[in-house]
Amino acid sequence: MKKQEVKNYSNCPIEATLGLIQGKWKVVIMFRLMNETRRFNELSRLLPGITQRMLTNQLRELEKDGLVHRKIYPQVPPKVEYSLTALADSLIPILLSLKDWGKTHMSAVEEKT
Protein backbone atom coordinates (compact mmCIF):
# COMPACT_ATOMS: atom_id res chain seq x y z
CA MET A 1 0.00 0.00 0.00
CA LYS A 2 1.28 3.45 -0.94
CA LYS A 3 2.14 5.64 2.04
CA GLN A 4 0.55 9.07 1.96
CA GLU A 5 2.75 12.10 2.17
CA VAL A 6 2.09 14.41 5.10
CA LYS A 7 1.95 18.00 3.92
CA ASN A 8 2.10 21.24 5.82
CA TYR A 9 -0.92 23.34 4.87
CA SER A 10 -0.44 25.97 7.56
CA ASN A 11 0.16 28.73 5.02
CA CYS A 12 -2.87 28.11 2.80
CA PRO A 13 -6.33 27.35 4.18
CA ILE A 14 -7.66 26.47 0.71
CA GLU A 15 -4.98 23.80 0.28
CA ALA A 16 -5.76 22.46 3.75
CA THR A 17 -9.47 22.19 2.96
CA LEU A 18 -8.93 20.64 -0.45
CA GLY A 19 -6.40 18.26 1.09
CA LEU A 20 -9.18 16.84 3.26
CA ILE A 21 -11.80 16.47 0.53
CA GLN A 22 -9.68 15.84 -2.56
CA GLY A 23 -10.48 12.90 -4.73
CA LYS A 24 -13.36 11.91 -6.95
CA TRP A 25 -15.50 10.31 -4.26
CA LYS A 26 -14.97 12.00 -0.87
CA VAL A 27 -17.34 14.91 -1.45
CA VAL A 28 -19.97 12.57 -2.93
CA ILE A 29 -19.66 10.19 0.03
CA MET A 30 -20.02 13.09 2.45
CA PHE A 31 -23.03 14.34 0.52
CA ARG A 32 -24.67 10.90 0.84
CA LEU A 33 -23.98 10.90 4.59
CA MET A 34 -25.21 14.46 5.05
CA ASN A 35 -28.72 13.67 6.25
CA GLU A 36 -28.41 10.21 7.71
CA THR A 37 -26.18 7.45 8.99
CA ARG A 38 -25.58 4.74 6.42
CA ARG A 39 -24.10 1.28 6.22
CA PHE A 40 -21.39 0.30 3.73
CA ASN A 41 -23.68 -1.57 1.33
CA GLU A 42 -26.15 1.30 1.37
CA LEU A 43 -23.38 3.71 0.34
CA SER A 44 -22.22 1.27 -2.29
CA ARG A 45 -25.72 1.16 -3.83
CA LEU A 46 -25.94 4.97 -3.79
CA LEU A 47 -22.59 5.24 -5.60
CA PRO A 48 -22.84 2.73 -8.47
CA GLY A 49 -19.60 3.89 -10.14
CA ILE A 50 -17.35 3.23 -7.14
CA THR A 51 -15.57 -0.05 -6.47
CA GLN A 52 -15.78 -1.69 -3.07
CA ARG A 53 -12.05 -1.18 -2.58
CA MET A 54 -12.23 2.52 -3.46
CA LEU A 55 -15.21 3.07 -1.14
CA THR A 56 -13.34 1.35 1.68
CA ASN A 57 -10.23 3.48 1.07
CA GLN A 58 -12.15 6.73 0.85
CA LEU A 59 -14.11 5.98 4.03
CA ARG A 60 -10.87 5.13 5.85
CA GLU A 61 -9.27 8.40 4.74
CA LEU A 62 -12.35 10.40 5.72
CA GLU A 63 -12.34 8.69 9.11
CA LYS A 64 -8.60 9.30 9.57
CA ASP A 65 -9.12 12.98 8.75
CA GLY A 66 -11.93 13.29 11.30
CA LEU A 67 -14.74 13.83 8.79
CA VAL A 68 -16.53 10.48 9.11
CA HIS A 69 -17.38 8.51 12.23
CA ARG A 70 -17.36 4.73 11.97
CA LYS A 71 -19.50 2.94 14.56
CA ILE A 72 -19.04 -0.80 14.97
CA TYR A 73 -21.77 -2.78 16.71
CA PRO A 74 -20.60 -5.86 18.65
CA GLN A 75 -22.76 -8.45 16.95
CA VAL A 76 -22.55 -11.28 14.45
CA PRO A 77 -22.56 -10.58 11.58
CA PRO A 78 -20.76 -7.30 12.23
CA LYS A 79 -22.75 -4.12 11.73
CA VAL A 80 -20.87 -0.94 10.84
CA GLU A 81 -22.44 2.47 10.31
CA TYR A 82 -20.92 5.65 8.94
CA SER A 83 -21.94 9.20 9.75
CA LEU A 84 -20.51 12.68 9.46
CA THR A 85 -18.64 14.22 12.37
CA ALA A 86 -19.14 17.75 13.65
CA LEU A 87 -16.10 18.79 11.61
CA ALA A 88 -17.73 17.44 8.45
CA ASP A 89 -21.03 19.09 9.41
CA SER A 90 -19.21 22.41 9.21
CA LEU A 91 -18.53 21.62 5.51
CA ILE A 92 -22.23 21.13 4.69
CA PRO A 93 -22.71 24.71 3.44
CA ILE A 94 -19.80 24.15 1.04
CA LEU A 95 -21.28 20.84 -0.16
CA LEU A 96 -24.64 22.49 -0.75
CA SER A 97 -22.95 25.35 -2.62
CA LEU A 98 -21.19 22.81 -4.85
CA LYS A 99 -24.52 21.10 -5.50
CA ASP A 100 -26.20 24.42 -6.38
CA TRP A 101 -23.33 25.43 -8.65
CA GLY A 102 -23.55 22.07 -10.41
CA LYS A 103 -27.28 22.45 -10.97
CA THR A 104 -26.79 25.92 -12.41
CA HIS A 105 -23.82 25.12 -14.63
CA MET A 106 -24.19 21.40 -15.44
CA SER A 107 -25.27 21.94 -19.04
CA ALA A 108 -22.34 24.27 -19.72
CA VAL A 109 -19.89 21.79 -18.18
CA GLU A 110 -21.37 18.87 -20.15
CA GLU A 111 -20.93 20.81 -23.41
CA LYS A 112 -17.18 21.12 -22.73
CA THR A 113 -16.66 17.38 -22.24
C-alpha atoms as a PDB file:
ATOM      1  CA  MET A   1       0.000   0.000   0.000  1.00  0.00           C
ATOM      2  CA  LYS A   2       1.283   3.447  -0.938  1.00  0.00           C
ATOM      3  CA  LYS A   3       2.143   5.640   2.036  1.00  0.00           C
ATOM      4  CA  GLN A   4       0.548   9.074   1.964  1.00  0.00           C
ATOM      5  CA  GLU A   5       2.746  12.097   2.172  1.00  0.00           C
ATOM      6  CA  VAL A   6       2.090  14.408   5.096  1.00  0.00           C
ATOM      7  CA  LYS A   7       1.953  17.997   3.916  1.00  0.00           C
ATOM      8  CA  ASN A   8       2.103  21.237   5.816  1.00  0.00           C
ATOM      9  CA  TYR A   9      -0.916  23.339   4.867  1.00  0.00           C
ATOM     10  CA  SER A  10      -0.443  25.967   7.563  1.00  0.00           C
ATOM     11  CA  ASN A  11       0.159  28.734   5.019  1.00  0.00           C
ATOM     12  CA  CYS A  12      -2.866  28.107   2.800  1.00  0.00           C
ATOM     13  CA  PRO A  13      -6.333  27.352   4.181  1.00  0.00           C
ATOM     14  CA  ILE A  14      -7.659  26.465   0.715  1.00  0.00           C
ATOM     15  CA  GLU A  15      -4.976  23.797   0.279  1.00  0.00           C
ATOM     16  CA  ALA A  16      -5.757  22.463   3.750  1.00  0.00           C
ATOM     17  CA  THR A  17      -9.475  22.191   2.963  1.00  0.00           C
ATOM     18  CA  LEU A  18      -8.930  20.644  -0.450  1.00  0.00           C
ATOM     19  CA  GLY A  19      -6.404  18.256   1.089  1.00  0.00           C
ATOM     20  CA  LEU A  20      -9.182  16.842   3.259  1.00  0.00           C
ATOM     21  CA  ILE A  21     -11.803  16.473   0.535  1.00  0.00           C
ATOM     22  CA  GLN A  22      -9.678  15.845  -2.555  1.00  0.00           C
ATOM     23  CA  GLY A  23     -10.484  12.897  -4.731  1.00  0.00           C
ATOM     24  CA  LYS A  24     -13.357  11.915  -6.951  1.00  0.00           C
ATOM     25  CA  TRP A  25     -15.497  10.309  -4.257  1.00  0.00           C
ATOM     26  CA  LYS A  26     -14.972  12.001  -0.875  1.00  0.00           C
ATOM     27  CA  VAL A  27     -17.345  14.908  -1.447  1.00  0.00           C
ATOM     28  CA  VAL A  28     -19.967  12.571  -2.931  1.00  0.00           C
ATOM     29  CA  ILE A  29     -19.664  10.186   0.027  1.00  0.00           C
ATOM     30  CA  MET A  30     -20.017  13.087   2.447  1.00  0.00           C
ATOM     31  CA  PHE A  31     -23.032  14.344   0.521  1.00  0.00           C
ATOM     32  CA  ARG A  32     -24.674  10.900   0.841  1.00  0.00           C
ATOM     33  CA  LEU A  33     -23.983  10.905   4.591  1.00  0.00           C
ATOM     34  CA  MET A  34     -25.215  14.462   5.050  1.00  0.00           C
ATOM     35  CA  ASN A  35     -28.723  13.669   6.252  1.00  0.00           C
ATOM     36  CA  GLU A  36     -28.406  10.206   7.707  1.00  0.00           C
ATOM     37  CA  THR A  37     -26.182   7.451   8.991  1.00  0.00           C
ATOM     38  CA  ARG A  38     -25.585   4.741   6.416  1.00  0.00           C
ATOM     39  CA  ARG A  39     -24.100   1.281   6.218  1.00  0.00           C
ATOM     40  CA  PHE A  40     -21.394   0.304   3.731  1.00  0.00           C
ATOM     41  CA  ASN A  41     -23.679  -1.566   1.325  1.00  0.00           C
ATOM     42  CA  GLU A  42     -26.151   1.302   1.369  1.00  0.00           C
ATOM     43  CA  LEU A  43     -23.383   3.706   0.342  1.00  0.00           C
ATOM     44  CA  SER A  44     -22.220   1.272  -2.295  1.00  0.00           C
ATOM     45  CA  ARG A  45     -25.715   1.163  -3.833  1.00  0.00           C
ATOM     46  CA  LEU A  46     -25.943   4.968  -3.792  1.00  0.00           C
ATOM     47  CA  LEU A  47     -22.588   5.241  -5.603  1.00  0.00           C
ATOM     48  CA  PRO A  48     -22.836   2.729  -8.467  1.00  0.00           C
ATOM     49  CA  GLY A  49     -19.602   3.886 -10.141  1.00  0.00           C
ATOM     50  CA  ILE A  50     -17.349   3.233  -7.139  1.00  0.00           C
ATOM     51  CA  THR A  51     -15.570  -0.046  -6.467  1.00  0.00           C
ATOM     52  CA  GLN A  52     -15.780  -1.690  -3.067  1.00  0.00           C
ATOM     53  CA  ARG A  53     -12.046  -1.178  -2.585  1.00  0.00           C
ATOM     54  CA  MET A  54     -12.235   2.523  -3.461  1.00  0.00           C
ATOM     55  CA  LEU A  55     -15.211   3.069  -1.138  1.00  0.00           C
ATOM     56  CA  THR A  56     -13.345   1.348   1.681  1.00  0.00           C
ATOM     57  CA  ASN A  57     -10.226   3.477   1.068  1.00  0.00           C
ATOM     58  CA  GLN A  58     -12.147   6.731   0.845  1.00  0.00           C
ATOM     59  CA  LEU A  59     -14.111   5.977   4.033  1.00  0.00           C
ATOM     60  CA  ARG A  60     -10.868   5.131   5.855  1.00  0.00           C
ATOM     61  CA  GLU A  61      -9.272   8.400   4.739  1.00  0.00           C
ATOM     62  CA  LEU A  62     -12.350  10.401   5.723  1.00  0.00           C
ATOM     63  CA  GLU A  63     -12.340   8.686   9.111  1.00  0.00           C
ATOM     64  CA  LYS A  64      -8.604   9.298   9.571  1.00  0.00           C
ATOM     65  CA  ASP A  65      -9.118  12.981   8.751  1.00  0.00           C
ATOM     66  CA  GLY A  66     -11.926  13.289  11.299  1.00  0.00           C
ATOM     67  CA  LEU A  67     -14.740  13.833   8.791  1.00  0.00           C
ATOM     68  CA  VAL A  68     -16.528  10.483   9.106  1.00  0.00           C
ATOM     69  CA  HIS A  69     -17.381   8.514  12.227  1.00  0.00           C
ATOM     70  CA  ARG A  70     -17.363   4.726  11.969  1.00  0.00           C
ATOM     71  CA  LYS A  71     -19.498   2.943  14.556  1.00  0.00           C
ATOM     72  CA  ILE A  72     -19.041  -0.803  14.967  1.00  0.00           C
ATOM     73  CA  TYR A  73     -21.773  -2.778  16.709  1.00  0.00           C
ATOM     74  CA  PRO A  74     -20.595  -5.862  18.646  1.00  0.00           C
ATOM     75  CA  GLN A  75     -22.759  -8.452  16.948  1.00  0.00           C
ATOM     76  CA  VAL A  76     -22.548 -11.281  14.447  1.00  0.00           C
ATOM     77  CA  PRO A  77     -22.565 -10.580  11.580  1.00  0.00           C
ATOM     78  CA  PRO A  78     -20.761  -7.299  12.227  1.00  0.00           C
ATOM     79  CA  LYS A  79     -22.750  -4.121  11.728  1.00  0.00           C
ATOM     80  CA  VAL A  80     -20.871  -0.939  10.837  1.00  0.00           C
ATOM     81  CA  GLU A  81     -22.438   2.474  10.315  1.00  0.00           C
ATOM     82  CA  TYR A  82     -20.918   5.648   8.937  1.00  0.00           C
ATOM     83  CA  SER A  83     -21.942   9.195   9.746  1.00  0.00           C
ATOM     84  CA  LEU A  84     -20.513  12.685   9.463  1.00  0.00           C
ATOM     85  CA  THR A  85     -18.645  14.215  12.367  1.00  0.00           C
ATOM     86  CA  ALA A  86     -19.139  17.753  13.655  1.00  0.00           C
ATOM     87  CA  LEU A  87     -16.101  18.788  11.610  1.00  0.00           C
ATOM     88  CA  ALA A  88     -17.728  17.440   8.447  1.00  0.00           C
ATOM     89  CA  ASP A  89     -21.032  19.092   9.410  1.00  0.00           C
ATOM     90  CA  SER A  90     -19.206  22.412   9.207  1.00  0.00           C
ATOM     91  CA  LEU A  91     -18.526  21.620   5.511  1.00  0.00           C
ATOM     92  CA  ILE A  92     -22.229  21.129   4.687  1.00  0.00           C
ATOM     93  CA  PRO A  93     -22.707  24.711   3.436  1.00  0.00           C
ATOM     94  CA  ILE A  94     -19.800  24.151   1.036  1.00  0.00           C
ATOM     95  CA  LEU A  95     -21.276  20.839  -0.158  1.00  0.00           C
ATOM     96  CA  LEU A  96     -24.640  22.494  -0.748  1.00  0.00           C
ATOM     97  CA  SER A  97     -22.953  25.347  -2.622  1.00  0.00           C
ATOM     98  CA  LEU A  98     -21.186  22.809  -4.854  1.00  0.00           C
ATOM     99  CA  LYS A  99     -24.522  21.104  -5.504  1.00  0.00           C
ATOM    100  CA  ASP A 100     -26.196  24.424  -6.380  1.00  0.00           C
ATOM    101  CA  TRP A 101     -23.325  25.426  -8.654  1.00  0.00           C
ATOM    102  CA  GLY A 102     -23.547  22.065 -10.407  1.00  0.00           C
ATOM    103  CA  LYS A 103     -27.283  22.446 -10.968  1.00  0.00           C
ATOM    104  CA  THR A 104     -26.790  25.918 -12.407  1.00  0.00           C
ATOM    105  CA  HIS A 105     -23.817  25.116 -14.632  1.00  0.00           C
ATOM    106  CA  MET A 106     -24.193  21.397 -15.445  1.00  0.00           C
ATOM    107  CA  SER A 107     -25.265  21.943 -19.039  1.00  0.00           C
ATOM    108  CA  ALA A 108     -22.341  24.273 -19.721  1.00  0.00           C
ATOM    109  CA  VAL A 109     -19.894  21.793 -18.179  1.00  0.00           C
ATOM    110  CA  GLU A 110     -21.366  18.870 -20.150  1.00  0.00           C
ATOM    111  CA  GLU A 111     -20.926  20.810 -23.407  1.00  0.00           C
ATOM    112  CA  LYS A 112     -17.180  21.119 -22.729  1.00  0.00           C
ATOM    113  CA  THR A 113     -16.658  17.384 -22.243  1.00  0.00           C
END
